[in-house]
PDB file of N, CA and C in Angstrom:
ATOM      1  N   MET A   1      81.609 -38.868  97.047  1.00  0.00           N
ATOM      2  CA  MET A   1      81.819 -38.744  95.460  1.00  0.00           C
ATOM      3  C   MET A   1      81.916 -37.399  94.921  1.00  0.00           C
ATOM      4  N   ILE A   2      82.885 -36.903  93.902  1.00  0.00           N
ATOM      5  CA  ILE A   2      82.425 -35.781  93.537  1.00  0.00           C
ATOM      6  C   ILE A   2      82.951 -35.953  91.800  1.00  0.00           C
ATOM      7  N   ILE A   3      81.846 -35.825  91.102  1.00  0.00           N
ATOM      8  CA  ILE A   3      81.917 -36.350  89.503  1.00  0.00           C
ATOM      9  C   ILE A   3      82.016 -34.897  88.822  1.00  0.00           C
ATOM     10  N   PHE A   4      83.793 -34.764  88.081  1.00  0.00           N
ATOM     11  CA  PHE A   4      83.846 -33.790  87.564  1.00  0.00           C
ATOM     12  C   PHE A   4      84.968 -34.399  86.172  1.00  0.00           C
ATOM     13  N   GLY A   5      84.667 -33.252  84.962  1.00  0.00           N
ATOM     14  CA  GLY A   5      85.199 -33.699  83.560  1.00  0.00           C
ATOM     15  C   GLY A   5      85.242 -32.884  82.854  1.00  0.00           C
ATOM     16  N   THR A   6      85.109 -32.801  81.573  1.00  0.00           N
ATOM     17  CA  THR A   6      84.773 -31.695  80.491  1.00  0.00           C
ATOM     18  C   THR A   6      84.161 -32.288  79.479  1.00  0.00           C
ATOM     19  N   LYS A   7      83.493 -31.166  78.894  1.00  0.00           N
ATOM     20  CA  LYS A   7      82.299 -31.059  77.922  1.00  0.00           C
ATOM     21  C   LYS A   7      83.151 -30.394  76.614  1.00  0.00           C
ATOM     22  N   GLY A   8      83.055 -30.662  75.343  1.00  0.00           N
ATOM     23  CA  GLY A   8      83.705 -29.780  73.996  1.00  0.00           C
ATOM     24  C   GLY A   8      82.029 -29.456  73.459  1.00  0.00           C
ATOM     25  N   TYR A   9      82.116 -27.965  72.682  1.00  0.00           N
ATOM     26  CA  TYR A   9      81.499 -27.551  72.261  1.00  0.00           C
ATOM     27  C   TYR A   9      81.859 -27.037  70.759  1.00  0.00           C
ATOM     28  N   LEU A  10      81.628 -27.194  69.558  1.00  0.00           N
ATOM     29  CA  LEU A  10      81.865 -26.688  68.450  1.00  0.00           C
ATOM     30  C   LEU A  10      80.951 -25.274  68.057  1.00  0.00           C
ATOM     31  N   TYR A  11      81.709 -24.562  67.551  1.00  0.00           N
ATOM     32  CA  TYR A  11      80.423 -23.187  67.232  1.00  0.00           C
ATOM     33  C   TYR A  11      80.794 -22.953  65.672  1.00  0.00           C
ATOM     34  N   GLN A  12      79.985 -23.275  64.637  1.00  0.00           N
ATOM     35  CA  GLN A  12      80.389 -22.542  63.394  1.00  0.00           C
ATOM     36  C   GLN A  12      79.967 -20.855  63.345  1.00  0.00           C
ATOM     37  N   LEU A  13      81.126 -20.420  63.168  1.00  0.00           N
ATOM     38  CA  LEU A  13      81.160 -19.004  62.847  1.00  0.00           C
ATOM     39  C   LEU A  13      80.762 -18.373  61.677  1.00  0.00           C
ATOM     40  N   ALA A  14      81.164 -18.792  60.398  1.00  0.00           N
ATOM     41  CA  ALA A  14      81.294 -18.206  59.420  1.00  0.00           C
ATOM     42  C   ALA A  14      81.876 -19.431  58.482  1.00  0.00           C
ATOM     43  N   ILE A  15      81.081 -19.318  56.934  1.00  0.00           N
ATOM     44  CA  ILE A  15      82.058 -19.607  55.639  1.00  0.00           C
ATOM     45  C   ILE A  15      82.426 -18.672  54.873  1.00  0.00           C
ATOM     46  N   LEU A  16      83.519 -19.202  54.270  1.00  0.00           N
ATOM     47  CA  LEU A  16      84.377 -18.168  53.570  1.00  0.00           C
ATOM     48  C   LEU A  16      84.810 -18.718  52.374  1.00  0.00           C
ATOM     49  N   THR A  17      85.127 -17.970  51.319  1.00  0.00           N
ATOM     50  CA  THR A  17      85.824 -18.754  50.133  1.00  0.00           C
ATOM     51  C   THR A  17      87.481 -18.056  50.356  1.00  0.00           C
ATOM     52  N   LEU A  18      88.017 -18.978  50.465  1.00  0.00           N
ATOM     53  CA  LEU A  18      89.536 -18.718  50.546  1.00  0.00           C
ATOM     54  C   LEU A  18      90.396 -19.469  49.624  1.00  0.00           C
ATOM     55  N   VAL A  19      91.958 -19.444  49.410  1.00  0.00           N
ATOM     56  CA  VAL A  19      92.535 -20.273  48.679  1.00  0.00           C
ATOM     57  C   VAL A  19      93.277 -21.201  49.793  1.00  0.00           C
ATOM     58  N   CYS A  20      93.107 -22.524  49.658  1.00  0.00           N
ATOM     59  CA  CYS A  20      93.601 -23.638  50.551  1.00  0.00           C
ATOM     60  C   CYS A  20      94.838 -23.570  50.595  1.00  0.00           C
ATOM     61  N   ARG A  21      95.560 -23.660  51.512  1.00  0.00           N
ATOM     62  CA  ARG A  21      97.077 -23.481  51.725  1.00  0.00           C
ATOM     63  C   ARG A  21      97.539 -25.192  51.333  1.00  0.00           C
ATOM     64  N   HIS A  22      97.086 -26.032  52.042  1.00  0.00           N
ATOM     65  CA  HIS A  22      96.991 -27.704  51.615  1.00  0.00           C
ATOM     66  C   HIS A  22      96.949 -28.062  50.014  1.00  0.00           C
ATOM     67  N   CYS A  23      95.728 -27.687  49.648  1.00  0.00           N
ATOM     68  CA  CYS A  23      95.437 -28.346  48.074  1.00  0.00           C
ATOM     69  C   CYS A  23      95.284 -26.865  47.081  1.00  0.00           C
ATOM     70  N   GLY A  24      95.216 -25.873  47.217  1.00  0.00           N
ATOM     71  CA  GLY A  24      95.803 -24.581  46.404  1.00  0.00           C
ATOM     72  C   GLY A  24      94.593 -24.448  45.805  1.00  0.00           C
ATOM     73  N   ASN A  25      93.353 -25.150  46.066  1.00  0.00           N
ATOM     74  CA  ASN A  25      92.332 -24.455  45.220  1.00  0.00           C
ATOM     75  C   ASN A  25      91.525 -23.538  45.884  1.00  0.00           C
ATOM     76  N   PRO A  26      90.868 -22.554  45.182  1.00  0.00           N
ATOM     77  CA  PRO A  26      89.892 -21.667  45.890  1.00  0.00           C
ATOM     78  C   PRO A  26      88.477 -21.998  46.449  1.00  0.00           C
ATOM     79  N   ALA A  27      88.242 -22.433  47.517  1.00  0.00           N
ATOM     80  CA  ALA A  27      87.025 -22.911  47.717  1.00  0.00           C
ATOM     81  C   ALA A  27      86.406 -22.533  49.293  1.00  0.00           C
ATOM     82  N   ALA A  28      85.177 -23.024  49.440  1.00  0.00           N
ATOM     83  CA  ALA A  28      84.907 -22.500  50.862  1.00  0.00           C
ATOM     84  C   ALA A  28      85.315 -23.414  52.343  1.00  0.00           C
ATOM     85  N   HIS A  29      85.429 -22.136  52.954  1.00  0.00           N
ATOM     86  CA  HIS A  29      85.772 -22.805  54.239  1.00  0.00           C
ATOM     87  C   HIS A  29      85.156 -22.409  55.491  1.00  0.00           C
ATOM     88  N   THR A  30      85.068 -23.233  56.456  1.00  0.00           N
ATOM     89  CA  THR A  30      84.312 -23.083  57.628  1.00  0.00           C
ATOM     90  C   THR A  30      85.169 -22.651  58.399  1.00  0.00           C
ATOM     91  N   LEU A  31      84.635 -21.538  59.297  1.00  0.00           N
ATOM     92  CA  LEU A  31      85.470 -21.006  60.413  1.00  0.00           C
ATOM     93  C   LEU A  31      85.007 -21.408  61.624  1.00  0.00           C
ATOM     94  N   ARG A  32      85.728 -21.913  62.488  1.00  0.00           N
ATOM     95  CA  ARG A  32      85.183 -22.734  63.929  1.00  0.00           C
ATOM     96  C   ARG A  32      85.789 -22.571  64.847  1.00  0.00           C
ATOM     97  N   LYS A  33      85.078 -22.504  65.986  1.00  0.00           N
ATOM     98  CA  LYS A  33      85.416 -22.218  67.399  1.00  0.00           C
ATOM     99  C   LYS A  33      85.192 -23.673  67.748  1.00  0.00           C
ATOM    100  N   ARG A  34      86.400 -24.013  68.913  1.00  0.00           N
ATOM    101  CA  ARG A  34      86.032 -25.160  70.058  1.00  0.00           C
ATOM    102  C   ARG A  34      86.156 -24.633  71.266  1.00  0.00           C
ATOM    103  N   VAL A  35      85.501 -24.924  72.240  1.00  0.00           N
ATOM    104  CA  VAL A  35      85.462 -24.711  73.254  1.00  0.00           C
ATOM    105  C   VAL A  35      85.377 -25.765  74.279  1.00  0.00           C
ATOM    106  N   ILE A  36      86.378 -26.182  75.240  1.00  0.00           N
ATOM    107  CA  ILE A  36      86.179 -27.136  76.131  1.00  0.00           C
ATOM    108  C   ILE A  36      85.968 -26.346  77.451  1.00  0.00           C
ATOM    109  N   LYS A  37      84.399 -27.301  77.968  1.00  0.00           N
ATOM    110  CA  LYS A  37      84.515 -26.526  79.472  1.00  0.00           C
ATOM    111  C   LYS A  37      84.644 -27.538  80.622  1.00  0.00           C
ATOM    112  N   PHE A  38      84.873 -26.989  81.729  1.00  0.00           N
ATOM    113  CA  PHE A  38      85.184 -28.002  83.024  1.00  0.00           C
ATOM    114  C   PHE A  38      83.577 -28.430  83.450  1.00  0.00           C
ATOM    115  N   THR A  39      83.706 -29.439  83.747  1.00  0.00           N
ATOM    116  CA  THR A  39      81.919 -29.869  84.510  1.00  0.00           C
ATOM    117  C   THR A  39      82.261 -30.805  85.722  1.00  0.00           C
ATOM    118  N   LEU A  40      81.215 -30.050  86.363  1.00  0.00           N
ATOM    119  CA  LEU A  40      81.076 -30.713  87.505  1.00  0.00           C
ATOM    120  C   LEU A  40      79.725 -31.195  88.182  1.00  0.00           C
ATOM    121  N   PHE A  41      79.754 -32.544  88.305  1.00  0.00           N
ATOM    122  CA  PHE A  41      77.892 -33.139  88.146  1.00  0.00           C
ATOM    123  C   PHE A  41      77.174 -32.475  86.955  1.00  0.00           C
ATOM    124  N   PHE A  42      78.274 -33.283  85.443  1.00  0.00           N
ATOM    125  CA  PHE A  42      77.589 -33.286  84.833  1.00  0.00           C
ATOM    126  C   PHE A  42      76.885 -31.751  84.041  1.00  0.00           C
ATOM    127  N   VAL A  43      77.705 -30.524  84.907  1.00  0.00           N
ATOM    128  CA  VAL A  43      76.832 -28.787  84.903  1.00  0.00           C
ATOM    129  C   VAL A  43      78.267 -28.522  84.196  1.00  0.00           C
ATOM    130  N   PRO A  44      78.435 -27.719  83.173  1.00  0.00           N
ATOM    131  CA  PRO A  44      79.478 -27.084  82.575  1.00  0.00           C
ATOM    132  C   PRO A  44      79.662 -26.159  83.468  1.00  0.00           C
ATOM    133  N   LEU A  45      80.684 -25.600  83.859  1.00  0.00           N
ATOM    134  CA  LEU A  45      80.668 -24.286  84.583  1.00  0.00           C
ATOM    135  C   LEU A  45      81.781 -23.537  83.765  1.00  0.00           C
ATOM    136  N   PHE A  46      82.982 -23.475  83.360  1.00  0.00           N
ATOM    137  CA  PHE A  46      83.807 -22.788  82.818  1.00  0.00           C
ATOM    138  C   PHE A  46      84.337 -22.942  81.517  1.00  0.00           C
ATOM    139  N   PRO A  47      85.022 -22.431  80.467  1.00  0.00           N
ATOM    140  CA  PRO A  47      85.633 -22.827  79.176  1.00  0.00           C
ATOM    141  C   PRO A  47      87.259 -22.722  80.140  1.00  0.00           C
ATOM    142  N   PHE A  48      88.170 -23.562  79.325  1.00  0.00           N
ATOM    143  CA  PHE A  48      89.445 -23.575  80.064  1.00  0.00           C
ATOM    144  C   PHE A  48      90.248 -23.721  78.811  1.00  0.00           C
ATOM    145  N   SER A  49      89.459 -23.724  77.599  1.00  0.00           N
ATOM    146  CA  SER A  49      90.377 -24.338  76.580  1.00  0.00           C
ATOM    147  C   SER A  49      89.408 -23.477  75.167  1.00  0.00           C
ATOM    148  N   THR A  50      89.803 -22.820  74.423  1.00  0.00           N
ATOM    149  CA  THR A  50      89.336 -22.115  73.373  1.00  0.00           C
ATOM    150  C   THR A  50      90.428 -22.010  72.049  1.00  0.00           C
ATOM    151  N   THR A  51      89.908 -22.735  71.087  1.00  0.00           N
ATOM    152  CA  THR A  51      90.640 -22.866  69.847  1.00  0.00           C
ATOM    153  C   THR A  51      89.691 -22.375  68.637  1.00  0.00           C
ATOM    154  N   TYR A  52      90.483 -21.745  67.375  1.00  0.00           N
ATOM    155  CA  TYR A  52      89.919 -21.346  66.419  1.00  0.00           C
ATOM    156  C   TYR A  52      90.664 -22.393  65.114  1.00  0.00           C
ATOM    157  N   ALA A  53      89.654 -22.485  64.353  1.00  0.00           N
ATOM    158  CA  ALA A  53      90.354 -23.366  63.128  1.00  0.00           C
ATOM    159  C   ALA A  53      89.627 -23.029  61.863  1.00  0.00           C
ATOM    160  N   THR A  54      90.267 -23.038  60.839  1.00  0.00           N
ATOM    161  CA  THR A  54      89.206 -22.968  59.681  1.00  0.00           C
ATOM    162  C   THR A  54      89.430 -24.302  58.694  1.00  0.00           C
ATOM    163  N   GLN A  55      88.805 -24.687  58.177  1.00  0.00           N
ATOM    164  CA  GLN A  55      88.446 -26.370  57.533  1.00  0.00           C
ATOM    165  C   GLN A  55      88.214 -26.095  55.937  1.00  0.00           C
ATOM    166  N   CYS A  56      88.794 -26.830  55.334  1.00  0.00           N
ATOM    167  CA  CYS A  56      88.785 -26.364  53.621  1.00  0.00           C
ATOM    168  C   CYS A  56      87.799 -27.513  53.325  1.00  0.00           C
ATOM    169  N   THR A  57      86.415 -27.068  52.818  1.00  0.00           N
ATOM    170  CA  THR A  57      85.479 -28.462  52.117  1.00  0.00           C
ATOM    171  C   THR A  57      85.833 -28.732  51.031  1.00  0.00           C
ATOM    172  N   PHE A  58      87.268 -28.812  50.116  1.00  0.00           N
ATOM    173  CA  PHE A  58      87.709 -29.486  49.156  1.00  0.00           C
ATOM    174  C   PHE A  58      88.725 -30.402  49.520  1.00  0.00           C
ATOM    175  N   CYS A  59      89.195 -30.314  50.539  1.00  0.00           N
ATOM    176  CA  CYS A  59      90.528 -31.110  50.707  1.00  0.00           C
ATOM    177  C   CYS A  59      90.099 -31.637  52.265  1.00  0.00           C
ATOM    178  N   GLY A  60      89.250 -31.057  52.899  1.00  0.00           N
ATOM    179  CA  GLY A  60      89.295 -31.462  54.348  1.00  0.00           C
ATOM    180  C   GLY A  60      90.132 -31.231  54.945  1.00  0.00           C
ATOM    181  N   ALA A  61      91.405 -30.554  54.750  1.00  0.00           N
ATOM    182  CA  ALA A  61      92.672 -30.067  55.939  1.00  0.00           C
ATOM    183  C   ALA A  61      92.301 -28.728  56.534  1.00  0.00           C
ATOM    184  N   GLU A  62      92.452 -28.902  57.800  1.00  0.00           N
ATOM    185  CA  GLU A  62      92.251 -28.337  58.950  1.00  0.00           C
ATOM    186  C   GLU A  62      93.317 -27.373  59.110  1.00  0.00           C
ATOM    187  N   GLN A  63      93.247 -26.078  59.555  1.00  0.00           N
ATOM    188  CA  GLN A  63      94.362 -25.027  59.984  1.00  0.00           C
ATOM    189  C   GLN A  63      93.859 -24.458  61.246  1.00  0.00           C
ATOM    190  N   GLU A  64      94.623 -24.581  62.142  1.00  0.00           N
ATOM    191  CA  GLU A  64      94.254 -23.806  63.611  1.00  0.00           C
ATOM    192  C   GLU A  64      94.749 -21.879  63.236  1.00  0.00           C
ATOM    193  N   VAL A  65      94.353 -21.144  64.114  1.00  0.00           N
ATOM    194  CA  VAL A  65      94.116 -19.881  63.489  1.00  0.00           C
ATOM    195  C   VAL A  65      94.080 -19.385  65.106  1.00  0.00           C
ATOM    196  N   THR A  66      94.623 -17.781  65.202  1.00  0.00           N
ATOM    197  CA  THR A  66      94.621 -17.261  66.275  1.00  0.00           C
ATOM    198  C   THR A  66      93.583 -16.490  66.271  1.00  0.00           C
ATOM    199  N   LYS A  67      93.258 -16.069  67.364  1.00  0.00           N
ATOM    200  CA  LYS A  67      91.738 -15.448  68.119  1.00  0.00           C
ATOM    201  C   LYS A  67      91.656 -14.455  67.206  1.00  0.00           C
ATOM    202  N   GLU A  68      92.804 -13.197  66.850  1.00  0.00           N
ATOM    203  CA  GLU A  68      92.590 -12.232  66.100  1.00  0.00           C
ATOM    204  C   GLU A  68      92.321 -12.678  65.004  1.00  0.00           C
ATOM    205  N   TRP A  69      93.129 -13.511  64.279  1.00  0.00           N
ATOM    206  CA  TRP A  69      92.869 -13.685  62.655  1.00  0.00           C
ATOM    207  C   TRP A  69      91.395 -14.178  62.675  1.00  0.00           C
ATOM    208  N   ALA A  70      90.826 -14.966  63.591  1.00  0.00           N
ATOM    209  CA  ALA A  70      89.623 -15.529  63.609  1.00  0.00           C
ATOM    210  C   ALA A  70      88.545 -14.050  63.680  1.00  0.00           C
ATOM    211  N   GLU A  71      88.837 -13.356  64.772  1.00  0.00           N
ATOM    212  CA  GLU A  71      88.113 -12.657  64.327  1.00  0.00           C
ATOM    213  C   GLU A  71      88.079 -11.396  62.712  1.00  0.00           C
ATOM    214  N   ARG A  72      89.333 -11.473  62.500  1.00  0.00           N
ATOM    215  CA  ARG A  72      89.400 -10.943  61.207  1.00  0.00           C
ATOM    216  C   ARG A  72      88.701 -11.552  59.806  1.00  0.00           C
ATOM    217  N   LEU A  73      88.856 -12.361  59.882  1.00  0.00           N
ATOM    218  CA  LEU A  73      88.115 -13.418  59.282  1.00  0.00           C
ATOM    219  C   LEU A  73      86.467 -13.093  59.535  1.00  0.00           C
ATOM    220  N   GLN A  74      85.613 -13.558  60.504  1.00  0.00           N
ATOM    221  CA  GLN A  74      84.713 -13.198  60.811  1.00  0.00           C
ATOM    222  C   GLN A  74      84.287 -11.979  60.393  1.00  0.00           C
ATOM    223  N   ALA A  75      84.931 -10.750  60.490  1.00  0.00           N
ATOM    224  CA  ALA A  75      84.695  -9.243  59.959  1.00  0.00           C
ATOM    225  C   ALA A  75      84.554  -9.409  58.626  1.00  0.00           C
ATOM    226  N   GLN A  76      85.515  -9.968  57.912  1.00  0.00           N
ATOM    227  CA  GLN A  76      85.241  -9.914  56.564  1.00  0.00           C
ATOM    228  C   GLN A  76      84.218 -11.125  55.846  1.00  0.00           C
ATOM    229  N   ALA A  77      83.735 -11.457  56.577  1.00  0.00           N
ATOM    230  CA  ALA A  77      82.381 -12.407  56.202  1.00  0.00           C
ATOM    231  C   ALA A  77      81.317 -11.553  56.603  1.00  0.00           C
ATOM    232  N   ALA A  78      81.174 -10.970  57.595  1.00  0.00           N
ATOM    233  CA  ALA A  78      80.236 -10.109  57.612  1.00  0.00           C
ATOM    234  C   ALA A  78      80.285  -8.651  56.571  1.00  0.00           C
ATOM    235  N   GLY A  79      81.061  -8.602  56.241  1.00  0.00           N
ATOM    236  CA  GLY A  79      81.323  -7.764  55.186  1.00  0.00           C
ATOM    237  C   GLY A  79      81.018  -8.180  53.828  1.00  0.00           C
ATOM    238  N   ALA A  80      80.586  -9.462  53.829  1.00  0.00           N
ATOM    239  CA  ALA A  80      80.017  -9.796  52.577  1.00  0.00           C
ATOM    240  C   ALA A  80      79.145  -9.538  52.095  1.00  0.00           C
ATOM    241  N   PRO A  81      78.134  -9.415  50.489  1.00  0.00           N
ATOM    242  CA  PRO A  81      77.325  -9.100  50.052  1.00  0.00           C
ATOM    243  C   PRO A  81      76.197  -9.313  50.512  1.00  0.00           C
ATOM    244  N   GLY A  82      75.039  -8.626  51.159  1.00  0.00           N
ATOM    245  CA  GLY A  82      74.303  -8.958  52.025  1.00  0.00           C
ATOM    246  C   GLY A  82      74.405  -8.552  53.121  1.00  0.00           C
ATOM    247  N   GLY A  83      75.621  -8.537  53.353  1.00  0.00           N
ATOM    248  CA  GLY A  83      76.103  -8.344  55.251  1.00  0.00           C
ATOM    249  C   GLY A  83      75.560  -9.839  55.898  1.00  0.00           C
ATOM    250  N   GLU A  84      75.188 -10.584  55.418  1.00  0.00           N
ATOM    251  CA  GLU A  84      75.070 -11.876  56.126  1.00  0.00           C
ATOM    252  C   GLU A  84      76.379 -12.641  56.352  1.00  0.00           C
ATOM    253  N   VAL A  85      76.400 -13.368  57.440  1.00  0.00           N
ATOM    254  CA  VAL A  85      77.310 -14.803  57.829  1.00  0.00           C
ATOM    255  C   VAL A  85      76.723 -15.749  57.509  1.00  0.00           C
ATOM    256  N   TYR A  86      77.282 -16.590  56.722  1.00  0.00           N
ATOM    257  CA  TYR A  86      76.722 -17.712  56.193  1.00  0.00           C
ATOM    258  C   TYR A  86      77.392 -19.106  57.245  1.00  0.00           C
ATOM    259  N   GLY A  87      75.678 -19.366  57.658  1.00  0.00           N
ATOM    260  CA  GLY A  87      76.543 -20.694  58.791  1.00  0.00           C
ATOM    261  C   GLY A  87      76.768 -20.252  60.085  1.00  0.00           C
ATOM    262  N   GLN A  88      76.278 -19.216  60.290  1.00  0.00           N
ATOM    263  CA  GLN A  88      76.399 -18.342  61.945  1.00  0.00           C
ATOM    264  C   GLN A  88      75.107 -19.319  62.458  1.00  0.00           C
ATOM    265  N   SER A  89      75.792 -20.207  63.583  1.00  0.00           N
ATOM    266  CA  SER A  89      74.138 -20.586  64.618  1.00  0.00           C
ATOM    267  C   SER A  89      74.386 -19.982  65.883  1.00  0.00           C
ATOM    268  N   GLN A  90      73.292 -20.183  66.474  1.00  0.00           N
ATOM    269  CA  GLN A  90      73.126 -19.773  68.066  1.00  0.00           C
ATOM    270  C   GLN A  90      73.322 -21.020  69.020  1.00  0.00           C
ATOM    271  N   GLN A  91      72.796 -22.066  68.224  1.00  0.00           N
ATOM    272  CA  GLN A  91      73.182 -22.942  69.075  1.00  0.00           C
ATOM    273  C   GLN A  91      74.386 -23.881  69.047  1.00  0.00           C
ATOM    274  N   PRO A  92      75.729 -24.493  70.002  1.00  0.00           N
ATOM    275  CA  PRO A  92      76.545 -25.007  69.633  1.00  0.00           C
ATOM    276  C   PRO A  92      76.343 -26.496  69.232  1.00  0.00           C
ATOM    277  N   TYR A  93      77.233 -26.490  67.845  1.00  0.00           N
ATOM    278  CA  TYR A  93      76.854 -27.972  67.490  1.00  0.00           C
ATOM    279  C   TYR A  93      78.153 -29.134  68.260  1.00  0.00           C
ATOM    280  N   GLN A  94      77.580 -30.055  68.883  1.00  0.00           N
ATOM    281  CA  GLN A  94      78.448 -31.005  70.068  1.00  0.00           C
ATOM    282  C   GLN A  94      79.206 -31.876  69.106  1.00  0.00           C
ATOM    283  N   HIS A  95      80.549 -31.992  69.066  1.00  0.00           N
ATOM    284  CA  HIS A  95      81.008 -33.014  68.327  1.00  0.00           C
ATOM    285  C   HIS A  95      81.282 -34.211  69.175  1.00  0.00           C
ATOM    286  N   PRO A  96      81.026 -35.175  68.473  1.00  0.00           N
ATOM    287  CA  PRO A  96      80.772 -36.548  69.499  1.00  0.00           C
ATOM    288  C   PRO A  96      82.406 -37.119  69.627  1.00  0.00           C
ATOM    289  N   GLY A  97      83.433 -36.778  69.064  1.00  0.00           N
ATOM    290  CA  GLY A  97      85.084 -36.985  69.550  1.00  0.00           C
ATOM    291  C   GLY A  97      85.321 -35.894  70.519  1.00  0.00           C
ATOM    292  N   VAL A  98      84.774 -34.831  70.956  1.00  0.00           N
ATOM    293  CA  VAL A  98      85.590 -33.809  71.733  1.00  0.00           C
ATOM    294  C   VAL A  98      85.325 -34.133  73.054  1.00  0.00           C
TER     295      VAL A  98
END
């Protein structure tokens, strides 16, 4: 019997101040990366899906972005005063619904 499946990981890459396309407010947005990995016997082996999204902290609207756009936003966050990327985590946050 072979046991296989998927496991999702959610990485928070940065927090940026942007104007939301949904509510129009200038608010903090979190830039997140979702990675879904194939598992064999509950061991994650390789990623087969990676998506990037921003989420408005004011209204909660989420918008998917391309990898290039996410890299550009992350570089913008790295150029913030003090050179810090706010909210960068080394350990993935595992979303219960993924």
